[in-house]
Amino acid sequence: MQSNRIYYADLSNDVDQGEFDKIPDSVVLIILNKLADIRSLGRCTAVCKRFNSLVPYVHDVYIKIDEVVTINGDSDESSYSSSHKPRNFFSNLLKYMFLNLLKPFHHLRNNSNTNKTLLPQVSQCTLDQVLRNFHHIHNLCIELPTADVETEDGVLLKWKAEFGSTLQNCVILGGTQIERKPVTDQGSLEDNGSIPESFYTNGGLKLRVVWTISSLIAASTRHYLLEPIIKDHPTLRTVVFTDAAGQGTLSMGIEQLKEFREKPLAASASSRRTQVPASNMKLRYAPYLDLPEGLGMQGATLVVIRTSGEGSRSNKMEVEAFVHGAFDGPFKAAVKALVKRRTYLLEMNGF
């Protein structure tokens, strides 16, 4: 009978602290950049003085926000249907609850003054305060805890927007119902390649307008929140502002960030968000789409928004690439199918 034995490792010959100190700072920074998550980076500052001094120089930072609170009640945009309007915290001054996020950074000290913390030790602070003492951020990703726009169960709404100093392009994909099991009675769904008359009479068009405006409000609010961060971090090359539900994504690249810094941000007079400029919209619609992975989508709608006049920067090929690359998986297939449908042109005033 074989007995169970416990073996103990001999740690006497393990690499000591002196050997670890021989690893170049550049290699340590590569490791820290792989972490990216701001909480993990905060914990690293408590490990040793060396990590504490290197963390502010990481290039990649990921912030996951756990909770968002509002003040001052609803905003002017609350006139939209409650089931489709942006959540209240996107219509007002946002304050972020970073108590848990900041705790790991209580060890982060200023090298020139060991009695002064680099990050504010408060329970409420804004995004720019959290990032104030990261000096060389290249790639920033921020994730909100939930979607911006409420929808009813079974409804699909996804959007992606590109911004410079203002909106450049936006693509919105929506469906009134999406199911794992495709709709069996497709014959009852009228489809001759054109939008049916019922689309205008049963509130279908109104619903798409609400989706569009709500998504643009959400995107422009996120953009507004980025202003102090972009100004304080000239090394930024990419910014992605998304949410845990995967509903919406705001993205900015090098040229767009440069434009943001050089041109003043036009804020909306009614709320804390960037003004949405006058735009041209292309709407495509299909009563039903059979998608990969066993999905079926009713009321499939694709809205492509491109700013008109001086705000338009992208050429046709760039816009097409942006639209086709906006979403992944079955939703990418939905876009591919919808772009082949008849296009309806609309114009939208700035707001």
Protein backbone atom coordinates (compact mmCIF):
# COMPACT_ATOMS: atom_id res chain seq x y z
CA MET A 1 0.00 0.00 0.00
CA GLN A 2 1.42 3.32 -1.07
CA SER A 3 1.55 5.93 1.68
CA ASN A 4 0.81 9.59 1.11
CA ARG A 5 3.82 11.77 1.56
CA ILE A 6 4.18 15.51 1.75
CA TYR A 7 7.21 16.98 0.04
CA TYR A 8 8.65 20.36 0.94
CA ALA A 9 10.55 22.43 -1.57
CA ASP A 10 14.01 23.61 -0.71
CA LEU A 11 13.92 27.36 -1.25
CA SER A 12 17.47 27.99 -0.11
CA ASN A 13 18.78 28.21 -3.68
CA ASP A 14 15.89 30.25 -5.14
CA VAL A 15 16.63 33.53 -6.86
CA ASP A 16 16.95 36.22 -4.20
CA GLN A 17 15.83 39.81 -4.32
CA GLY A 18 19.20 40.90 -5.64
CA GLU A 19 18.81 38.72 -8.72
CA PHE A 20 15.34 40.12 -9.38
CA ASP A 21 16.72 43.65 -9.18
CA LYS A 22 18.97 42.82 -12.13
CA ILE A 23 15.91 42.63 -14.43
CA PRO A 24 15.89 45.88 -16.46
CA ASP A 25 13.11 48.40 -15.86
CA SER A 26 12.08 48.06 -19.50
CA VAL A 27 11.28 44.36 -18.96
CA VAL A 28 9.36 45.07 -15.76
CA LEU A 29 7.33 47.70 -17.61
CA ILE A 30 6.46 45.16 -20.31
CA ILE A 31 5.05 42.93 -17.58
CA LEU A 32 3.13 45.80 -15.98
CA ASN A 33 1.71 46.77 -19.36
CA LYS A 34 0.36 43.25 -19.76
CA LEU A 35 -1.59 43.75 -16.54
CA ALA A 36 -3.20 47.03 -17.73
CA ASP A 37 -6.04 46.75 -15.17
CA ILE A 38 -5.76 49.75 -12.88
CA ARG A 39 -6.63 47.76 -9.77
CA SER A 40 -3.88 45.22 -10.46
CA LEU A 41 -1.44 48.04 -11.09
CA GLY A 42 -2.47 49.62 -7.80
CA ARG A 43 -1.74 46.40 -5.94
CA CYS A 44 1.67 46.24 -7.59
CA THR A 45 2.58 49.59 -6.05
CA ALA A 46 2.39 47.95 -2.62
CA VAL A 47 4.82 45.15 -3.54
CA CYS A 48 8.04 47.14 -3.53
CA LYS A 49 9.47 50.61 -4.02
CA ARG A 50 10.62 49.71 -7.52
CA PHE A 51 7.14 48.74 -8.70
CA ASN A 52 5.81 51.83 -6.95
CA SER A 53 8.09 54.03 -9.02
CA LEU A 54 7.44 52.23 -12.34
CA VAL A 55 3.63 51.93 -12.31
CA PRO A 56 3.06 55.61 -13.26
CA TYR A 57 4.98 54.96 -16.51
CA VAL A 58 2.89 52.12 -17.94
CA HIS A 59 1.57 52.60 -21.49
CA ASP A 60 -1.65 50.55 -21.32
CA VAL A 61 -4.35 51.26 -18.76
CA TYR A 62 -7.76 49.61 -18.38
CA ILE A 63 -10.35 51.06 -16.01
CA LYS A 64 -13.43 49.07 -15.09
CA ILE A 65 -15.98 51.25 -13.32
CA ASP A 66 -18.15 49.37 -10.84
CA GLU A 67 -20.72 52.01 -9.96
CA VAL A 68 -21.93 55.34 -11.31
CA VAL A 69 -24.10 57.78 -9.37
CA THR A 70 -26.02 60.84 -10.49
CA ILE A 71 -26.85 64.14 -8.99
CA ASN A 72 -29.45 66.81 -9.78
CA GLY A 73 -32.09 64.43 -11.16
CA ASP A 74 -33.16 63.93 -14.76
CA SER A 75 -31.99 66.00 -17.69
CA ASP A 76 -33.73 67.60 -20.60
CA GLU A 77 -33.45 64.40 -22.64
CA SER A 78 -35.90 62.64 -20.31
CA SER A 79 -38.76 63.43 -22.69
CA TYR A 80 -37.97 60.20 -24.52
CA SER A 81 -39.78 56.97 -23.71
CA SER A 82 -38.48 55.63 -20.40
CA SER A 83 -37.83 52.22 -21.89
CA HIS A 84 -35.48 53.62 -24.51
CA LYS A 85 -33.96 56.79 -23.06
CA PRO A 86 -30.35 56.92 -21.85
CA ARG A 87 -30.07 55.96 -18.21
CA ASN A 88 -30.29 58.93 -15.89
CA PHE A 89 -26.59 58.87 -15.06
CA PHE A 90 -25.83 59.67 -18.70
CA SER A 91 -27.98 62.80 -18.68
CA ASN A 92 -26.33 64.57 -15.79
CA LEU A 93 -22.99 65.37 -14.26
CA LEU A 94 -21.43 61.95 -13.62
CA LYS A 95 -19.52 61.14 -10.50
CA TYR A 96 -17.68 57.87 -10.26
CA MET A 97 -17.47 55.73 -7.17
CA PHE A 98 -13.79 54.77 -7.06
CA LEU A 99 -13.36 53.90 -3.38
CA ASN A 100 -12.51 50.26 -4.07
CA LEU A 101 -10.45 51.24 -7.10
CA LEU A 102 -8.38 53.78 -5.20
CA LYS A 103 -7.56 51.61 -2.19
CA PRO A 104 -4.70 49.78 -3.95
CA PHE A 105 -3.16 53.14 -4.87
CA HIS A 106 -2.81 54.38 -1.30
CA HIS A 107 0.76 53.03 -1.50
CA LEU A 108 1.60 55.08 -4.59
CA ARG A 109 3.85 57.92 -3.51
CA ASN A 110 5.49 60.87 -5.14
CA ASN A 111 9.24 60.26 -5.36
CA SER A 112 10.02 63.90 -4.68
CA ASN A 113 7.91 63.99 -1.53
CA THR A 114 7.25 60.72 0.30
CA ASN A 115 4.52 62.31 2.41
CA LYS A 116 2.36 63.24 -0.56
CA THR A 117 0.18 60.63 -2.26
CA LEU A 118 0.00 60.67 -6.03
CA LEU A 119 -3.73 59.88 -6.15
CA PRO A 120 -6.48 61.49 -4.07
CA GLN A 121 -7.64 59.32 -1.17
CA VAL A 122 -11.32 60.13 -1.50
CA SER A 123 -14.38 58.01 -2.21
CA GLN A 124 -15.59 60.14 -5.12
CA CYS A 125 -13.41 61.48 -7.87
CA THR A 126 -13.48 61.91 -11.60
CA LEU A 127 -11.68 59.88 -14.23
CA ASP A 128 -9.04 62.51 -14.82
CA GLN A 129 -8.14 62.48 -11.12
CA VAL A 130 -7.64 58.73 -11.17
CA LEU A 131 -5.27 59.01 -14.13
CA ARG A 132 -3.57 62.26 -13.19
CA ASN A 133 -0.27 60.68 -12.16
CA PHE A 134 0.12 58.22 -15.00
CA HIS A 135 2.63 60.03 -17.18
CA HIS A 136 3.00 57.97 -20.36
CA ILE A 137 -0.33 56.36 -21.21
CA HIS A 138 -0.57 55.32 -24.87
CA ASN A 139 -3.68 53.15 -24.87
CA LEU A 140 -6.62 53.78 -22.56
CA CYS A 141 -9.72 51.61 -22.22
CA ILE A 142 -12.62 52.56 -19.94
CA GLU A 143 -15.53 50.24 -19.25
CA LEU A 144 -18.81 51.36 -17.72
CA PRO A 145 -20.78 48.93 -15.54
CA THR A 146 -23.90 48.82 -17.70
CA ALA A 147 -25.38 49.88 -21.03
CA ASP A 148 -26.24 53.53 -21.62
CA VAL A 149 -29.65 53.01 -23.23
CA GLU A 150 -32.35 50.89 -21.67
CA THR A 151 -34.17 48.48 -23.97
CA GLU A 152 -36.94 45.98 -23.48
CA ASP A 153 -36.18 42.28 -23.13
CA GLY A 154 -35.27 40.66 -26.43
CA VAL A 155 -34.46 43.97 -28.14
CA LEU A 156 -30.99 44.40 -29.64
CA LEU A 157 -29.25 47.77 -29.73
CA LYS A 158 -25.56 48.20 -30.47
CA TRP A 159 -23.60 51.25 -31.57
CA LYS A 160 -20.08 52.36 -32.34
CA ALA A 161 -18.96 55.96 -32.77
CA GLU A 162 -15.76 57.70 -33.87
CA PHE A 163 -14.98 61.15 -32.51
CA GLY A 164 -12.37 63.81 -33.07
CA SER A 165 -13.26 67.19 -31.60
CA THR A 166 -16.84 66.16 -32.40
CA LEU A 167 -18.71 63.23 -33.90
CA GLN A 168 -17.26 61.91 -37.16
CA ASN A 169 -19.02 58.60 -37.82
CA CYS A 170 -21.51 56.41 -36.01
CA VAL A 171 -23.11 53.08 -36.85
CA ILE A 172 -26.17 51.74 -35.02
CA LEU A 173 -27.52 48.20 -35.29
CA GLY A 174 -30.92 47.42 -33.85
CA GLY A 175 -33.54 44.70 -33.85
CA THR A 176 -36.99 44.57 -32.27
CA GLN A 177 -36.47 40.94 -31.31
CA ILE A 178 -33.51 38.61 -31.35
CA GLU A 179 -33.85 34.96 -30.45
CA ARG A 180 -31.66 31.89 -30.28
CA LYS A 181 -34.35 29.98 -32.10
CA PRO A 182 -35.16 31.59 -35.47
CA VAL A 183 -38.71 32.76 -36.04
CA THR A 184 -40.67 29.91 -37.59
CA ASP A 185 -43.40 31.90 -39.32
CA GLN A 186 -41.24 34.07 -41.57
CA GLY A 187 -43.87 34.10 -44.28
CA SER A 188 -45.95 36.59 -42.30
CA LEU A 189 -43.09 39.10 -42.39
CA GLU A 190 -43.54 41.25 -45.47
CA ASP A 191 -40.28 41.65 -47.38
CA ASN A 192 -40.09 42.91 -50.94
CA GLY A 193 -36.79 44.73 -50.42
CA SER A 194 -38.47 47.97 -49.34
CA ILE A 195 -39.63 49.28 -45.99
CA PRO A 196 -43.28 48.25 -45.58
CA GLU A 197 -46.02 50.82 -45.03
CA SER A 198 -46.62 49.40 -41.56
CA PHE A 199 -43.14 50.56 -40.58
CA TYR A 200 -44.38 54.15 -40.65
CA THR A 201 -47.82 53.57 -39.14
CA ASN A 202 -47.09 51.25 -36.21
CA GLY A 203 -44.30 53.34 -34.61
CA GLY A 204 -41.41 51.51 -36.27
CA LEU A 205 -39.79 54.67 -37.62
CA LYS A 206 -40.32 56.54 -34.35
CA LEU A 207 -38.61 53.73 -32.45
CA ARG A 208 -35.56 53.92 -34.74
CA VAL A 209 -35.37 57.67 -34.23
CA VAL A 210 -35.37 57.13 -30.45
CA TRP A 211 -32.63 54.50 -30.79
CA THR A 212 -30.55 56.86 -32.90
CA ILE A 213 -30.89 59.94 -30.71
CA SER A 214 -30.40 57.96 -27.49
CA SER A 215 -27.24 56.34 -28.83
CA LEU A 216 -25.85 59.69 -29.98
CA ILE A 217 -26.59 61.25 -26.58
CA ALA A 218 -24.78 58.38 -24.87
CA ALA A 219 -21.78 58.65 -27.22
CA SER A 220 -21.52 62.43 -26.91
CA THR A 221 -21.72 62.19 -23.11
CA ARG A 222 -18.81 59.77 -23.03
CA HIS A 223 -16.88 62.06 -25.35
CA TYR A 224 -17.47 65.03 -23.06
CA LEU A 225 -16.10 63.10 -20.08
CA LEU A 226 -12.84 62.46 -21.94
CA GLU A 227 -11.92 66.15 -22.36
CA PRO A 228 -9.75 66.57 -19.21
CA ILE A 229 -8.12 63.16 -19.70
CA ILE A 230 -7.06 63.88 -23.28
CA LYS A 231 -5.75 67.31 -22.40
CA ASP A 232 -3.73 65.99 -19.45
CA HIS A 233 -2.26 63.03 -21.36
CA PRO A 234 -0.56 64.16 -24.58
CA THR A 235 1.01 60.70 -25.04
CA LEU A 236 -2.38 59.04 -25.70
CA ARG A 237 -2.62 57.19 -29.02
CA THR A 238 -5.91 55.31 -28.66
CA VAL A 239 -8.96 55.70 -26.42
CA VAL A 240 -11.79 53.18 -26.20
CA PHE A 241 -14.83 53.90 -24.01
CA THR A 242 -17.15 50.92 -23.77
CA ASP A 243 -19.58 49.22 -21.37
CA ALA A 244 -19.84 45.80 -19.75
CA ALA A 245 -23.01 44.98 -21.70
CA GLY A 246 -21.22 45.54 -25.02
CA GLN A 247 -23.90 47.94 -26.21
CA GLY A 248 -21.82 50.92 -27.24
CA THR A 249 -18.21 51.78 -28.03
CA LEU A 250 -16.59 55.18 -28.53
CA SER A 251 -13.17 55.09 -30.19
CA MET A 252 -10.49 57.67 -30.94
CA GLY A 253 -7.16 57.23 -32.74
CA ILE A 254 -4.03 59.35 -33.05
CA GLU A 255 -5.38 61.80 -35.63
CA GLN A 256 -8.68 62.14 -33.83
CA LEU A 257 -6.96 62.82 -30.53
CA LYS A 258 -4.80 65.44 -32.22
CA GLU A 259 -7.90 67.15 -33.62
CA PHE A 260 -9.52 67.03 -30.19
CA ARG A 261 -6.60 68.88 -28.63
CA GLU A 262 -6.34 71.48 -31.39
CA LYS A 263 -10.03 72.37 -31.78
CA PRO A 264 -12.27 73.52 -28.94
CA LEU A 265 -14.95 71.10 -27.83
CA ALA A 266 -18.48 72.32 -28.58
CA ALA A 267 -20.55 71.46 -25.52
CA SER A 268 -24.32 71.09 -25.67
CA ALA A 269 -26.17 73.98 -24.04
CA SER A 270 -28.69 71.68 -22.35
CA SER A 271 -26.49 69.07 -20.68
CA ARG A 272 -22.95 67.92 -20.04
CA ARG A 273 -22.17 66.33 -23.37
CA THR A 274 -20.60 67.27 -26.68
CA GLN A 275 -22.91 68.87 -29.22
CA VAL A 276 -23.88 66.48 -32.02
CA PRO A 277 -23.38 68.26 -35.39
CA ALA A 278 -25.77 68.19 -38.34
CA SER A 279 -25.46 64.80 -39.97
CA ASN A 280 -26.53 62.66 -42.91
CA MET A 281 -28.02 59.27 -42.13
CA LYS A 282 -28.45 56.14 -44.20
CA LEU A 283 -31.11 53.75 -42.93
CA ARG A 284 -31.45 50.15 -44.06
CA TYR A 285 -34.13 47.76 -42.88
CA ALA A 286 -35.05 44.10 -43.11
CA PRO A 287 -38.18 42.59 -41.49
CA TYR A 288 -36.20 39.48 -40.63
CA LEU A 289 -32.60 38.26 -40.80
CA ASP A 290 -31.39 34.72 -40.36
CA LEU A 291 -28.00 35.04 -38.64
CA PRO A 292 -25.16 32.64 -37.80
CA GLU A 293 -25.01 30.79 -34.47
CA GLY A 294 -28.72 29.97 -34.62
CA LEU A 295 -29.91 33.54 -34.21
CA GLY A 296 -32.88 35.21 -35.83
CA MET A 297 -33.49 38.97 -35.79
CA GLN A 298 -36.78 40.72 -36.41
CA GLY A 299 -36.99 44.37 -37.40
CA ALA A 300 -33.28 44.47 -38.27
CA THR A 301 -32.13 48.05 -38.77
CA LEU A 302 -28.79 49.60 -39.68
CA VAL A 303 -28.25 53.35 -39.34
CA VAL A 304 -24.99 54.85 -40.59
CA ILE A 305 -24.39 58.45 -39.52
CA ARG A 306 -21.82 60.72 -41.07
CA THR A 307 -21.45 64.37 -40.18
CA SER A 308 -22.19 66.82 -42.94
CA GLY A 309 -20.27 69.93 -43.97
CA GLU A 310 -16.90 70.71 -42.40
CA GLY A 311 -17.30 68.03 -39.75
CA SER A 312 -17.01 65.30 -42.37
CA ARG A 313 -13.45 63.96 -42.50
CA SER A 314 -13.69 60.34 -43.66
CA ASN A 315 -13.90 59.32 -47.30
CA LYS A 316 -16.34 56.72 -48.59
CA MET A 317 -13.91 53.81 -48.31
CA GLU A 318 -13.01 54.71 -44.72
CA VAL A 319 -16.67 54.90 -43.75
CA GLU A 320 -17.39 51.53 -45.36
CA ALA A 321 -14.47 49.95 -43.51
CA PHE A 322 -15.68 51.47 -40.26
CA VAL A 323 -19.21 50.14 -40.77
CA HIS A 324 -18.12 46.62 -41.75
CA GLY A 325 -15.69 46.41 -38.83
CA ALA A 326 -17.97 47.88 -36.16
CA PHE A 327 -19.28 44.61 -34.73
CA ASP A 328 -18.19 40.98 -34.40
CA GLY A 329 -19.76 37.56 -34.73
CA PRO A 330 -23.38 37.29 -35.88
CA PHE A 331 -23.80 41.06 -35.69
CA LYS A 332 -21.04 41.50 -38.25
CA ALA A 333 -23.06 39.18 -40.50
CA ALA A 334 -26.16 41.30 -39.84
CA VAL A 335 -24.34 44.42 -41.03
CA LYS A 336 -23.08 42.60 -44.12
CA ALA A 337 -26.64 41.57 -44.99
CA LEU A 338 -28.18 44.98 -44.28
CA VAL A 339 -25.73 47.03 -46.35
CA LYS A 340 -27.07 45.19 -49.39
CA ARG A 341 -30.58 46.41 -48.71
CA ARG A 342 -32.21 49.51 -50.17
CA THR A 343 -30.86 52.70 -48.62
CA TYR A 344 -33.07 55.48 -47.27
CA LEU A 345 -31.44 58.88 -46.81
CA LEU A 346 -32.30 61.18 -43.93
CA GLU A 347 -30.90 64.42 -42.57
CA MET A 348 -30.57 65.36 -38.93
CA ASN A 349 -30.03 68.80 -37.44
CA GLY A 350 -27.42 69.28 -34.76
CA PHE A 351 -28.51 69.07 -31.15
